[in-house]
Structure formats: C-alpha cells, structure tokens
Amino acid sequence: GVKNMEVTYKKHINVDKENRTEFLLVNWDYEDGSDYLAKIFCKEFGMSAEEKVDYIYFSVIKLHLDKINYELLWHEDFGNMIYSIEQEEQDVNMLERRLKVVLSILNEKLKAN
C-alpha cells in the first residue's frame, strides 16, 4: 500500500520561469502536503513560515531564513514542489541538501505509522 511508497523528488528546470530549478515531490501529492513539509523545515532549520496563501488552482507557503526564501507550492496539476527564490547555484544546492534531510524525516514518520 501507500506506506511502502517512499517520498522522493525530481529536479526540474522550469523554462517558463527563467529556468528556475524546482524540486517536484514524488509520492507526495496532498493539498495540505506543503503544511506538513513547512513544519519540518521550520523545526529542523529554524526557518519561519508565512500563512499559506490559497489561490484557485494552487497554494503557496513562503519559508524564510536570513536572506534565504523558499516557496512550497501545491498545484492541482503538478502536486507538491519547492524552489528557492534565490537561484544562485549555492542556494539551489543548499535547498536540495535540506530537502533530502526533510524527506528522510518524513519517510521515517510514514514508516512509523
């Protein structure tokens, strides 16, 4: 069943958004999935999360830490994703490292259920 489906991600270059590097979550497509991920980012890395903003087809939670800004997006066509507003290579790499930590915590919690 669902419990065996490990949550992973795939890296996506969005040419419609000036080649923004996005991390699309695999096996994690929930309307409130971003809320759950935001909690882990805040707890693990001391980030702060803004209130979720709901639009018609998608919702966004903004995460901040110092000068770093991430957006957790849920879209009814694409599911859950995260990207860094700052697209310097070191910022994208840092996000990827943090995401790996967050997903390992998430997967542990899913296994424990």
Protein backbone atom coordinates (compact mmCIF):
# COMPACT_ATOMS: atom_id res chain seq x y z
CA GLY A 1 0.00 0.00 0.00
CA VAL A 2 0.86 3.64 0.38
CA LYS A 3 3.18 3.05 3.34
CA ASN A 4 5.82 1.43 1.13
CA MET A 5 5.91 4.33 -1.29
CA GLU A 6 8.96 6.33 -0.34
CA VAL A 7 8.67 10.06 -0.88
CA THR A 8 11.41 11.27 -3.22
CA TYR A 9 11.89 14.23 -5.53
CA LYS A 10 12.94 15.03 -9.03
CA LYS A 11 14.82 18.10 -10.10
CA HIS A 12 13.06 20.12 -12.79
CA ILE A 13 14.26 23.13 -14.76
CA ASN A 14 11.24 25.33 -15.42
CA VAL A 15 11.90 27.13 -18.71
CA ASP A 16 8.68 29.15 -18.29
CA LYS A 17 10.09 30.63 -15.07
CA GLU A 18 13.51 31.78 -16.31
CA ASN A 19 15.00 28.29 -15.89
CA ARG A 20 14.13 28.14 -12.21
CA THR A 21 15.28 24.89 -10.57
CA GLU A 22 12.30 23.26 -8.89
CA PHE A 23 12.12 20.11 -6.80
CA LEU A 24 8.95 18.16 -7.59
CA LEU A 25 7.91 15.72 -4.91
CA VAL A 26 7.17 12.14 -5.92
CA ASN A 27 4.62 10.07 -3.96
CA TRP A 28 3.58 13.15 -2.00
CA ASP A 29 0.62 14.85 -3.66
CA TYR A 30 -1.60 16.27 -0.94
CA GLU A 31 -3.39 19.57 -0.82
CA ASP A 32 -2.10 20.09 2.71
CA GLY A 33 1.23 18.38 1.99
CA SER A 34 3.08 21.70 1.99
CA ASP A 35 1.90 22.47 5.54
CA TYR A 36 3.47 19.27 6.79
CA LEU A 37 6.75 19.90 4.97
CA ALA A 38 6.85 23.50 6.18
CA LYS A 39 6.68 22.28 9.80
CA ILE A 40 9.71 20.03 9.27
CA PHE A 41 11.71 22.82 7.54
CA CYS A 42 10.94 25.15 10.44
CA LYS A 43 11.78 22.62 13.13
CA GLU A 44 14.98 21.32 11.52
CA PHE A 45 16.46 24.54 10.14
CA GLY A 46 14.88 27.27 12.25
CA MET A 47 13.06 28.70 9.24
CA SER A 48 9.88 30.70 9.63
CA ALA A 49 6.78 30.02 7.55
CA GLU A 50 4.19 32.55 6.45
CA GLU A 51 0.49 31.77 6.44
CA LYS A 52 -0.49 29.63 3.49
CA VAL A 53 -1.99 31.65 0.63
CA ASP A 54 -4.70 29.85 -1.31
CA TYR A 55 -5.43 30.60 -4.95
CA ILE A 56 -7.92 28.87 -7.22
CA TYR A 57 -5.69 26.09 -8.53
CA PHE A 58 -2.74 26.25 -6.15
CA SER A 59 -1.47 27.33 -2.76
CA VAL A 60 1.87 28.72 -1.57
CA ILE A 61 3.70 28.73 1.75
CA LYS A 62 6.72 31.03 1.92
CA LEU A 63 9.66 29.97 4.10
CA HIS A 64 12.37 32.38 5.26
CA LEU A 65 15.71 32.18 6.98
CA ASP A 66 18.00 35.21 6.95
CA LYS A 67 18.20 36.14 3.25
CA ILE A 68 17.00 32.76 2.01
CA ASN A 69 13.45 32.43 0.71
CA TYR A 70 11.76 29.22 -0.38
CA GLU A 71 8.29 28.66 -1.72
CA LEU A 72 6.40 25.44 -1.08
CA LEU A 73 3.80 25.12 -3.78
CA TRP A 74 0.88 22.77 -4.16
CA HIS A 75 -0.76 22.82 -7.59
CA GLU A 76 -3.66 20.64 -8.59
CA ASP A 77 -1.91 19.69 -11.86
CA PHE A 78 1.67 19.27 -10.59
CA GLY A 79 1.25 18.31 -6.94
CA ASN A 80 3.79 19.49 -4.37
CA MET A 81 7.07 21.22 -5.13
CA ILE A 82 9.60 23.53 -3.54
CA TYR A 83 12.02 26.05 -5.03
CA SER A 84 14.34 28.77 -3.85
CA ILE A 85 13.58 32.37 -4.84
CA GLU A 86 17.36 32.87 -4.91
CA GLN A 87 18.56 30.79 -7.84
CA GLU A 88 22.33 31.05 -7.34
CA GLU A 89 23.86 27.61 -7.59
CA GLN A 90 24.84 27.51 -3.90
CA ASP A 91 21.27 28.43 -2.87
CA VAL A 92 19.74 25.69 -5.00
CA ASN A 93 22.29 23.16 -3.70
CA MET A 94 21.57 24.17 -0.10
CA LEU A 95 17.85 23.70 -0.67
CA GLU A 96 18.49 20.27 -2.18
CA ARG A 97 20.54 19.23 0.85
CA ARG A 98 17.85 20.49 3.21
CA LEU A 99 15.12 18.79 1.21
CA LYS A 100 16.96 15.46 1.49
CA VAL A 101 17.01 15.83 5.29
CA VAL A 102 13.33 16.78 5.38
CA LEU A 103 12.30 13.83 3.20
CA SER A 104 14.31 11.36 5.25
CA ILE A 105 12.47 12.59 8.37
CA LEU A 106 9.15 12.43 6.51
CA ASN A 107 9.81 8.88 5.30
CA GLU A 108 10.75 7.76 8.82
CA LYS A 109 7.46 9.17 10.11
CA LEU A 110 5.48 7.47 7.35
CA LYS A 111 7.14 4.14 8.13
CA ALA A 112 6.35 4.53 11.82
CA ASN A 113 2.63 4.99 11.16
